[in-house]
C-alpha cells in the first residue's frame, strides 16, 4: 500500500455519521396530526352519531317522520323489540320498516334532521 492510502483509510473510517432527522420532532408531528384528526373528524362524527341515536330512541306513536327513501308518514306502532316501526303513509296504507330508516322527525311543522353517521 502506498503512504497515501494508509493516510486516507483511517480518516474515512473515523468520519462522523451524517446527522439524520431528529426522532423527537417526528414524534411531536405524529402526535399533532393525530390530535388534529381527532378534533376535526372523529369528535364531531361521534357527537352526530349520539344525537341520531337519541332521536331514534325517542320515537313514539303519532310522530310525523320522513324516511331515508323520502316517504312522509306517521308512526302508528313500534315493535316491542324496538327495532322496527310501522308507518302510515296514507289512509289504510301502512309499511313496516327498520327504525334506522327514519331520516328525520317532523314536529310542529319543523324538521329535525336525524343524519345518518356511518
Protein backbone atom coordinates (compact mmCIF):
# COMPACT_ATOMS: atom_id res chain seq x y z
CA UNK A 1 0.00 0.00 0.00
CA UNK A 2 1.07 3.44 -0.66
CA UNK A 3 1.51 6.05 2.00
CA UNK A 4 -1.47 7.97 0.71
CA UNK A 5 -3.85 5.02 1.12
CA UNK A 6 -2.52 4.36 4.65
CA UNK A 7 -3.23 8.01 5.50
CA UNK A 8 -6.74 8.25 3.94
CA UNK A 9 -8.14 4.87 5.09
CA UNK A 10 -8.22 5.68 8.86
CA UNK A 11 -9.69 9.14 8.14
CA UNK A 12 -12.54 7.64 6.11
CA UNK A 13 -13.37 5.11 8.83
CA UNK A 14 -13.44 7.67 11.63
CA UNK A 15 -15.65 10.16 9.80
CA UNK A 16 -18.74 11.11 11.83
CA UNK A 17 -22.11 9.95 10.51
CA UNK A 18 -24.27 12.48 8.73
CA UNK A 19 -26.93 13.91 11.03
CA UNK A 20 -30.40 12.47 10.37
CA UNK A 21 -33.86 13.67 11.28
CA UNK A 22 -34.45 14.20 14.98
CA UNK A 23 -36.85 11.48 16.26
CA UNK A 24 -38.32 13.88 18.82
CA UNK A 25 -39.60 16.19 16.09
CA UNK A 26 -41.05 13.23 14.21
CA UNK A 27 -42.93 12.01 17.32
CA UNK A 28 -44.23 15.52 18.03
CA UNK A 29 -45.54 15.84 14.46
CA UNK A 30 -47.28 12.43 14.63
CA UNK A 31 -48.99 13.38 17.91
CA UNK A 32 -50.04 16.76 16.46
CA UNK A 33 -51.52 15.12 13.34
CA UNK A 34 -53.35 12.53 15.46
CA UNK A 35 -54.80 15.24 17.70
CA UNK A 36 -55.93 17.30 14.70
CA UNK A 37 -57.55 14.20 13.14
CA UNK A 38 -59.46 13.53 16.37
CA UNK A 39 -60.64 17.13 16.80
CA UNK A 40 -61.61 17.71 13.17
CA UNK A 41 -63.10 14.35 12.18
CA UNK A 42 -63.76 11.86 14.97
CA UNK A 43 -65.19 14.07 17.71
CA UNK A 44 -67.90 15.76 15.58
CA UNK A 45 -68.80 12.45 13.98
CA UNK A 46 -69.29 10.79 17.39
CA UNK A 47 -71.40 13.74 18.54
CA UNK A 48 -73.69 13.43 15.49
CA UNK A 49 -73.97 9.67 15.98
CA UNK A 50 -75.02 10.08 19.63
CA UNK A 51 -77.57 12.75 18.66
CA UNK A 52 -79.07 10.48 15.96
CA UNK A 53 -79.28 7.52 18.36
CA UNK A 54 -81.03 9.75 20.91
CA UNK A 55 -83.57 10.98 18.32
CA UNK A 56 -84.31 7.45 17.14
CA UNK A 57 -84.70 6.27 20.75
CA UNK A 58 -87.31 8.97 21.43
CA UNK A 59 -89.56 7.99 18.51
CA UNK A 60 -93.10 7.48 19.69
CA UNK A 61 -96.51 6.62 18.27
CA UNK A 62 -98.01 9.58 16.41
CA UNK A 63 -94.72 11.24 15.41
CA UNK A 64 -94.56 12.52 11.85
CA UNK A 65 -91.41 11.28 10.12
CA UNK A 66 -89.58 11.34 6.81
CA UNK A 67 -87.82 8.12 5.82
CA UNK A 68 -84.50 7.81 4.04
CA UNK A 69 -86.49 6.89 0.93
CA UNK A 70 -88.33 10.22 1.07
CA UNK A 71 -91.68 8.90 2.30
CA UNK A 72 -93.63 11.13 4.68
CA UNK A 73 -95.81 9.41 7.23
CA UNK A 74 -96.92 8.99 10.82
CA UNK A 75 -95.71 6.28 13.21
CA UNK A 76 -98.62 4.02 14.15
CA UNK A 77 -96.78 1.29 16.05
CA UNK A 78 -93.35 0.45 17.43
CA UNK A 79 -92.29 -3.20 17.79
CA UNK A 80 -91.71 -4.48 21.31
CA UNK A 81 -88.10 -5.24 20.41
CA UNK A 82 -87.85 -1.62 19.28
CA UNK A 83 -86.00 -2.30 16.05
CA UNK A 84 -88.94 -1.79 13.65
CA UNK A 85 -91.69 0.80 13.32
CA UNK A 86 -94.94 0.80 11.42
CA UNK A 87 -95.52 3.96 9.43
CA UNK A 88 -98.82 5.02 7.90
CA UNK A 89 -98.09 6.68 4.56
CA UNK A 90 -101.73 7.25 3.62
CA UNK A 91 -105.10 6.16 4.97
CA UNK A 92 -105.03 2.34 5.31
CA UNK A 93 -101.54 2.20 3.78
CA UNK A 94 -99.03 1.06 6.39
CA UNK A 95 -95.45 -0.10 6.00
CA UNK A 96 -93.13 -1.75 8.48
CA UNK A 97 -89.51 -0.66 8.33
CA UNK A 98 -86.41 -0.53 10.45
CA UNK A 99 -86.15 2.27 12.96
CA UNK A 100 -82.85 3.30 11.36
CA UNK A 101 -84.73 4.05 8.10
CA UNK A 102 -86.17 7.21 9.69
CA UNK A 103 -84.19 10.16 8.34
CA UNK A 104 -85.90 12.98 10.21
CA UNK A 105 -88.68 13.69 12.66
CA UNK A 106 -91.21 16.44 11.88
CA UNK A 107 -92.54 18.18 14.97
CA UNK A 108 -94.80 21.24 14.74
CA UNK A 109 -94.01 21.86 11.08
CA UNK A 110 -90.29 21.91 11.85
CA UNK A 111 -87.96 19.16 10.63
CA UNK A 112 -85.38 17.71 13.00
CA UNK A 113 -82.62 16.05 11.00
CA UNK A 114 -81.51 12.62 12.13
CA UNK A 115 -78.40 12.49 9.95
CA UNK A 116 -77.03 9.05 9.27
CA UNK A 117 -73.49 8.57 10.52
CA UNK A 118 -71.53 5.60 9.25
